[in-house]
Amino acid sequence: MNRELYEKAVQARQVSNMKIAMEAGISPSDFYQALKGLKPFFPRWRDSLCEVLDLREEDLFPEENSEV
């Protein structure tokens, strides 16, 4: 996850991580674990989060879209 882009988007909306999680339909507990890298951001979570933050998935999750 591009943390810098995420933080800018959250700051621009002036909302908490919990509010973002709730709007994205992700359990706050799961969301915080994913933010800490303890759990992956599953595809549906990535889609929902990008929709809530009005960001492209390729920008917010570049590691998921890079060619190996």
PDB file of N, CA and C in Angstrom:
ATOM      1  N   MET A   1       0.837  -1.177   0.000  1.00  0.00           N
ATOM      2  CA  MET A   1       0.000   0.000   0.000  1.00  0.00           C
ATOM      3  C   MET A   1       0.882   1.241   0.000  1.00  0.00           C
ATOM      4  N   ASN A   2       0.491   2.205  -0.770  1.00  0.00           N
ATOM      5  CA  ASN A   2       1.184   3.483  -0.802  1.00  0.00           C
ATOM      6  C   ASN A   2       0.691   4.300   0.396  1.00  0.00           C
ATOM      7  N   ARG A   3       1.412   4.195   1.511  1.00  0.00           N
ATOM      8  CA  ARG A   3       0.975   4.841   2.762  1.00  0.00           C
ATOM      9  C   ARG A   3       0.882   6.358   2.632  1.00  0.00           C
ATOM     10  N   GLU A   4       1.810   6.953   1.905  1.00  0.00           N
ATOM     11  CA  GLU A   4       1.802   8.408   1.755  1.00  0.00           C
ATOM     12  C   GLU A   4       0.527   8.872   1.053  1.00  0.00           C
ATOM     13  N   LEU A   5       0.168   8.199  -0.027  1.00  0.00           N
ATOM     14  CA  LEU A   5      -1.053   8.538  -0.754  1.00  0.00           C
ATOM     15  C   LEU A   5      -2.284   8.306   0.120  1.00  0.00           C
ATOM     16  N   TYR A   6      -2.278   7.199   0.860  1.00  0.00           N
ATOM     17  CA  TYR A   6      -3.398   6.898   1.766  1.00  0.00           C
ATOM     18  C   TYR A   6      -3.553   8.001   2.810  1.00  0.00           C
ATOM     19  N   GLU A   7      -2.440   8.367   3.456  1.00  0.00           N
ATOM     20  CA  GLU A   7      -2.497   9.397   4.505  1.00  0.00           C
ATOM     21  C   GLU A   7      -2.993  10.729   3.955  1.00  0.00           C
ATOM     22  N   LYS A   8      -2.553  11.111   2.759  1.00  0.00           N
ATOM     23  CA  LYS A   8      -3.007  12.368   2.145  1.00  0.00           C
ATOM     24  C   LYS A   8      -4.511  12.329   1.878  1.00  0.00           C
ATOM     25  N   ALA A   9      -5.002  11.185   1.370  1.00  0.00           N
ATOM     26  CA  ALA A   9      -6.426  11.059   1.069  1.00  0.00           C
ATOM     27  C   ALA A   9      -7.264  11.128   2.340  1.00  0.00           C
ATOM     28  N   VAL A  10      -6.805  10.474   3.404  1.00  0.00           N
ATOM     29  CA  VAL A  10      -7.533  10.488   4.666  1.00  0.00           C
ATOM     30  C   VAL A  10      -7.508  11.891   5.277  1.00  0.00           C
ATOM     31  N   GLN A  11      -6.357  12.542   5.215  1.00  0.00           N
ATOM     32  CA  GLN A  11      -6.243  13.910   5.742  1.00  0.00           C
ATOM     33  C   GLN A  11      -7.161  14.863   4.982  1.00  0.00           C
ATOM     34  N   ALA A  12      -7.222  14.716   3.667  1.00  0.00           N
ATOM     35  CA  ALA A  12      -8.069  15.592   2.853  1.00  0.00           C
ATOM     36  C   ALA A  12      -9.539  15.434   3.224  1.00  0.00           C
ATOM     37  N   ARG A  13      -9.929  14.218   3.574  1.00  0.00           N
ATOM     38  CA  ARG A  13     -11.321  13.967   3.971  1.00  0.00           C
ATOM     39  C   ARG A  13     -11.579  14.310   5.421  1.00  0.00           C
ATOM     40  N   GLN A  14     -10.519  14.461   6.203  1.00  0.00           N
ATOM     41  CA  GLN A  14     -10.607  14.791   7.626  1.00  0.00           C
ATOM     42  C   GLN A  14     -11.485  13.791   8.386  1.00  0.00           C
ATOM     43  N   VAL A  15     -11.170  12.509   8.179  1.00  0.00           N
ATOM     44  CA  VAL A  15     -11.888  11.452   8.884  1.00  0.00           C
ATOM     45  C   VAL A  15     -10.880  10.481   9.493  1.00  0.00           C
ATOM     46  N   SER A  16     -11.357   9.680  10.404  1.00  0.00           N
ATOM     47  CA  SER A  16     -10.492   8.709  11.080  1.00  0.00           C
ATOM     48  C   SER A  16     -10.383   7.421  10.256  1.00  0.00           C
ATOM     49  N   ASN A  17      -9.388   6.630  10.602  1.00  0.00           N
ATOM     50  CA  ASN A  17      -9.235   5.319   9.970  1.00  0.00           C
ATOM     51  C   ASN A  17     -10.470   4.458  10.225  1.00  0.00           C
ATOM     52  N   MET A  18     -11.047   4.596  11.395  1.00  0.00           N
ATOM     53  CA  MET A  18     -12.237   3.805  11.715  1.00  0.00           C
ATOM     54  C   MET A  18     -13.397   4.179  10.786  1.00  0.00           C
ATOM     55  N   LYS A  19     -13.575   5.450  10.540  1.00  0.00           N
ATOM     56  CA  LYS A  19     -14.649   5.912   9.651  1.00  0.00           C
ATOM     57  C   LYS A  19     -14.418   5.396   8.231  1.00  0.00           C
ATOM     58  N   ILE A  20     -13.168   5.424   7.780  1.00  0.00           N
ATOM     59  CA  ILE A  20     -12.837   4.905   6.452  1.00  0.00           C
ATOM     60  C   ILE A  20     -13.173   3.418   6.376  1.00  0.00           C
ATOM     61  N   ALA A  21     -12.785   2.671   7.408  1.00  0.00           N
ATOM     62  CA  ALA A  21     -13.068   1.232   7.450  1.00  0.00           C
ATOM     63  C   ALA A  21     -14.567   0.980   7.374  1.00  0.00           C
ATOM     64  N   MET A  22     -15.327   1.712   8.156  1.00  0.00           N
ATOM     65  CA  MET A  22     -16.780   1.522   8.179  1.00  0.00           C
ATOM     66  C   MET A  22     -17.402   1.849   6.820  1.00  0.00           C
ATOM     67  N   GLU A  23     -16.963   2.942   6.200  1.00  0.00           N
ATOM     68  CA  GLU A  23     -17.492   3.317   4.891  1.00  0.00           C
ATOM     69  C   GLU A  23     -17.138   2.284   3.828  1.00  0.00           C
ATOM     70  N   ALA A  24     -15.969   1.656   3.974  1.00  0.00           N
ATOM     71  CA  ALA A  24     -15.524   0.648   3.007  1.00  0.00           C
ATOM     72  C   ALA A  24     -16.128  -0.724   3.297  1.00  0.00           C
ATOM     73  N   GLY A  25     -16.835  -0.858   4.410  1.00  0.00           N
ATOM     74  CA  GLY A  25     -17.444  -2.136   4.753  1.00  0.00           C
ATOM     75  C   GLY A  25     -16.445  -3.159   5.260  1.00  0.00           C
ATOM     76  N   ILE A  26     -15.375  -2.666   5.874  1.00  0.00           N
ATOM     77  CA  ILE A  26     -14.330  -3.542   6.418  1.00  0.00           C
ATOM     78  C   ILE A  26     -14.373  -3.433   7.934  1.00  0.00           C
ATOM     79  N   SER A  27     -14.297  -4.555   8.600  1.00  0.00           N
ATOM     80  CA  SER A  27     -14.255  -4.542  10.055  1.00  0.00           C
ATOM     81  C   SER A  27     -13.080  -3.672  10.502  1.00  0.00           C
ATOM     82  N   PRO A  28     -13.304  -2.727  11.424  1.00  0.00           N
ATOM     83  CA  PRO A  28     -12.196  -1.884  11.885  1.00  0.00           C
ATOM     84  C   PRO A  28     -11.000  -2.695  12.396  1.00  0.00           C
ATOM     85  N   SER A  29     -11.260  -3.796  13.072  1.00  0.00           N
ATOM     86  CA  SER A  29     -10.172  -4.644  13.563  1.00  0.00           C
ATOM     87  C   SER A  29      -9.347  -5.193  12.404  1.00  0.00           C
ATOM     88  N   ASP A  30     -10.023  -5.719  11.391  1.00  0.00           N
ATOM     89  CA  ASP A  30      -9.324  -6.238  10.215  1.00  0.00           C
ATOM     90  C   ASP A  30      -8.583  -5.117   9.486  1.00  0.00           C
ATOM     91  N   PHE A  31      -9.219  -3.968   9.392  1.00  0.00           N
ATOM     92  CA  PHE A  31      -8.623  -2.828   8.690  1.00  0.00           C
ATOM     93  C   PHE A  31      -7.327  -2.386   9.361  1.00  0.00           C
ATOM     94  N   TYR A  32      -7.351  -2.252  10.686  1.00  0.00           N
ATOM     95  CA  TYR A  32      -6.138  -1.840  11.405  1.00  0.00           C
ATOM     96  C   TYR A  32      -5.041  -2.885  11.250  1.00  0.00           C
ATOM     97  N   GLN A  33      -5.396  -4.170  11.264  1.00  0.00           N
ATOM     98  CA  GLN A  33      -4.391  -5.218  11.074  1.00  0.00           C
ATOM     99  C   GLN A  33      -3.795  -5.134   9.675  1.00  0.00           C
ATOM    100  N   ALA A  34      -4.619  -4.849   8.684  1.00  0.00           N
ATOM    101  CA  ALA A  34      -4.115  -4.714   7.313  1.00  0.00           C
ATOM    102  C   ALA A  34      -3.212  -3.487   7.188  1.00  0.00           C
ATOM    103  N   LEU A  35      -3.581  -2.402   7.840  1.00  0.00           N
ATOM    104  CA  LEU A  35      -2.738  -1.201   7.805  1.00  0.00           C
ATOM    105  C   LEU A  35      -1.366  -1.465   8.421  1.00  0.00           C
ATOM    106  N   LYS A  36      -1.334  -2.317   9.425  1.00  0.00           N
ATOM    107  CA  LYS A  36      -0.066  -2.653  10.096  1.00  0.00           C
ATOM    108  C   LYS A  36       0.706  -3.745   9.360  1.00  0.00           C
ATOM    109  N   GLY A  37       0.119  -4.303   8.301  1.00  0.00           N
ATOM    110  CA  GLY A  37       0.788  -5.350   7.546  1.00  0.00           C
ATOM    111  C   GLY A  37       0.641  -6.736   8.136  1.00  0.00           C
ATOM    112  N   LEU A  38      -0.234  -6.875   9.116  1.00  0.00           N
ATOM    113  CA  LEU A  38      -0.444  -8.174   9.757  1.00  0.00           C
ATOM    114  C   LEU A  38      -1.444  -9.042   8.993  1.00  0.00           C
ATOM    115  N   LYS A  39      -2.169  -8.424   8.087  1.00  0.00           N
ATOM    116  CA  LYS A  39      -3.196  -9.106   7.303  1.00  0.00           C
ATOM    117  C   LYS A  39      -3.163  -8.470   5.914  1.00  0.00           C
ATOM    118  N   PRO A  40      -3.389  -9.239   4.880  1.00  0.00           N
ATOM    119  CA  PRO A  40      -3.376  -8.635   3.535  1.00  0.00           C
ATOM    120  C   PRO A  40      -4.646  -7.823   3.276  1.00  0.00           C
ATOM    121  N   PHE A  41      -4.531  -6.870   2.359  1.00  0.00           N
ATOM    122  CA  PHE A  41      -5.722  -6.190   1.855  1.00  0.00           C
ATOM    123  C   PHE A  41      -6.274  -7.082   0.754  1.00  0.00           C
ATOM    124  N   PHE A  42      -7.364  -7.744   1.036  1.00  0.00           N
ATOM    125  CA  PHE A  42      -7.978  -8.647   0.072  1.00  0.00           C
ATOM    126  C   PHE A  42      -8.567  -7.839  -1.090  1.00  0.00           C
ATOM    127  N   PRO A  43      -8.743  -8.461  -2.255  1.00  0.00           N
ATOM    128  CA  PRO A  43      -9.222  -7.718  -3.430  1.00  0.00           C
ATOM    129  C   PRO A  43     -10.491  -6.892  -3.203  1.00  0.00           C
ATOM    130  N   ARG A  44     -11.480  -7.468  -2.524  1.00  0.00           N
ATOM    131  CA  ARG A  44     -12.709  -6.703  -2.277  1.00  0.00           C
ATOM    132  C   ARG A  44     -12.430  -5.499  -1.379  1.00  0.00           C
ATOM    133  N   TRP A  45     -11.552  -5.685  -0.393  1.00  0.00           N
ATOM    134  CA  TRP A  45     -11.184  -4.578   0.491  1.00  0.00           C
ATOM    135  C   TRP A  45     -10.494  -3.477  -0.291  1.00  0.00           C
ATOM    136  N   ARG A  46      -9.588  -3.870  -1.194  1.00  0.00           N
ATOM    137  CA  ARG A  46      -8.880  -2.870  -2.003  1.00  0.00           C
ATOM    138  C   ARG A  46      -9.872  -2.084  -2.851  1.00  0.00           C
ATOM    139  N   ASP A  47     -10.803  -2.799  -3.483  1.00  0.00           N
ATOM    140  CA  ASP A  47     -11.820  -2.137  -4.308  1.00  0.00           C
ATOM    141  C   ASP A  47     -12.639  -1.150  -3.484  1.00  0.00           C
ATOM    142  N   SER A  48     -13.126  -1.612  -2.339  1.00  0.00           N
ATOM    143  CA  SER A  48     -13.967  -0.770  -1.481  1.00  0.00           C
ATOM    144  C   SER A  48     -13.208   0.441  -0.969  1.00  0.00           C
ATOM    145  N   LEU A  49     -11.980   0.225  -0.531  1.00  0.00           N
ATOM    146  CA  LEU A  49     -11.178   1.320   0.009  1.00  0.00           C
ATOM    147  C   LEU A  49     -10.902   2.366  -1.067  1.00  0.00           C
ATOM    148  N   CYS A  50     -10.553   1.922  -2.247  1.00  0.00           N
ATOM    149  CA  CYS A  50     -10.283   2.863  -3.343  1.00  0.00           C
ATOM    150  C   CYS A  50     -11.536   3.642  -3.723  1.00  0.00           C
ATOM    151  N   GLU A  51     -12.674   2.981  -3.684  1.00  0.00           N
ATOM    152  CA  GLU A  51     -13.926   3.671  -3.994  1.00  0.00           C
ATOM    153  C   GLU A  51     -14.227   4.747  -2.952  1.00  0.00           C
ATOM    154  N   VAL A  52     -14.051   4.414  -1.686  1.00  0.00           N
ATOM    155  CA  VAL A  52     -14.311   5.371  -0.607  1.00  0.00           C
ATOM    156  C   VAL A  52     -13.369   6.572  -0.697  1.00  0.00           C
ATOM    157  N   LEU A  53     -12.100   6.305  -1.003  1.00  0.00           N
ATOM    158  CA  LEU A  53     -11.103   7.385  -1.050  1.00  0.00           C
ATOM    159  C   LEU A  53     -11.016   8.051  -2.419  1.00  0.00           C
ATOM    160  N   ASP A  54     -11.785   7.535  -3.388  1.00  0.00           N
ATOM    161  CA  ASP A  54     -11.777   8.060  -4.754  1.00  0.00           C
ATOM    162  C   ASP A  54     -10.361   8.040  -5.335  1.00  0.00           C
ATOM    163  N   LEU A  55      -9.715   6.877  -5.201  1.00  0.00           N
ATOM    164  CA  LEU A  55      -8.367   6.668  -5.725  1.00  0.00           C
ATOM    165  C   LEU A  55      -8.374   5.457  -6.649  1.00  0.00           C
ATOM    166  N   ARG A  56      -7.407   5.417  -7.544  1.00  0.00           N
ATOM    167  CA  ARG A  56      -7.248   4.244  -8.406  1.00  0.00           C
ATOM    168  C   ARG A  56      -6.493   3.167  -7.648  1.00  0.00           C
ATOM    169  N   GLU A  57      -6.914   1.929  -7.828  1.00  0.00           N
ATOM    170  CA  GLU A  57      -6.262   0.820  -7.132  1.00  0.00           C
ATOM    171  C   GLU A  57      -4.784   0.715  -7.531  1.00  0.00           C
ATOM    172  N   GLU A  58      -4.471   0.993  -8.793  1.00  0.00           N
ATOM    173  CA  GLU A  58      -3.087   0.928  -9.273  1.00  0.00           C
ATOM    174  C   GLU A  58      -2.194   1.916  -8.528  1.00  0.00           C
ATOM    175  N   ASP A  59      -2.777   3.044  -8.103  1.00  0.00           N
ATOM    176  CA  ASP A  59      -2.004   4.060  -7.387  1.00  0.00           C
ATOM    177  C   ASP A  59      -1.859   3.723  -5.907  1.00  0.00           C
ATOM    178  N   LEU A  60      -2.936   3.266  -5.309  1.00  0.00           N
ATOM    179  CA  LEU A  60      -2.912   2.985  -3.866  1.00  0.00           C
ATOM    180  C   LEU A  60      -2.214   1.664  -3.540  1.00  0.00           C
ATOM    181  N   PHE A  61      -2.323   0.707  -4.435  1.00  0.00           N
ATOM    182  CA  PHE A  61      -1.710  -0.613  -4.223  1.00  0.00           C
ATOM    183  C   PHE A  61      -0.778  -0.963  -5.388  1.00  0.00           C
ATOM    184  N   PRO A  62       0.288  -0.205  -5.582  1.00  0.00           N
ATOM    185  CA  PRO A  62       1.170  -0.472  -6.735  1.00  0.00           C
ATOM    186  C   PRO A  62       1.830  -1.848  -6.680  1.00  0.00           C
ATOM    187  N   GLU A  63       2.089  -2.368  -5.498  1.00  0.00           N
ATOM    188  CA  GLU A  63       2.753  -3.675  -5.373  1.00  0.00           C
ATOM    189  C   GLU A  63       1.868  -4.804  -5.885  1.00  0.00           C
ATOM    190  N   GLU A  64       0.563  -4.601  -5.860  1.00  0.00           N
ATOM    191  CA  GLU A  64      -0.368  -5.620  -6.345  1.00  0.00           C
ATOM    192  C   GLU A  64      -0.454  -5.638  -7.865  1.00  0.00           C
ATOM    193  N   ASN A  65      -0.024  -4.553  -8.491  1.00  0.00           N
ATOM    194  CA  ASN A  65      -0.171  -4.422  -9.931  1.00  0.00           C
ATOM    195  C   ASN A  65       1.157  -4.450 -10.682  1.00  0.00           C
ATOM    196  N   SER A  66       2.245  -4.644  -9.976  1.00  0.00           N
ATOM    197  CA  SER A  66       3.546  -4.650 -10.633  1.00  0.00           C
ATOM    198  C   SER A  66       3.836  -6.013 -11.252  1.00  0.00           C
ATOM    199  N   GLU A  67       4.509  -5.988 -12.368  1.00  0.00           N
ATOM    200  CA  GLU A  67       4.904  -7.223 -13.045  1.00  0.00           C
ATOM    201  C   GLU A  67       6.156  -7.762 -12.379  1.00  0.00           C
ATOM    202  N   VAL A  68       6.226  -9.060 -12.181  1.00  0.00           N
ATOM    203  CA  VAL A  68       7.397  -9.671 -11.550  1.00  0.00           C
ATOM    204  C   VAL A  68       8.306 -10.236 -12.603  1.00  0.00           C
TER     205      VAL A  68
END
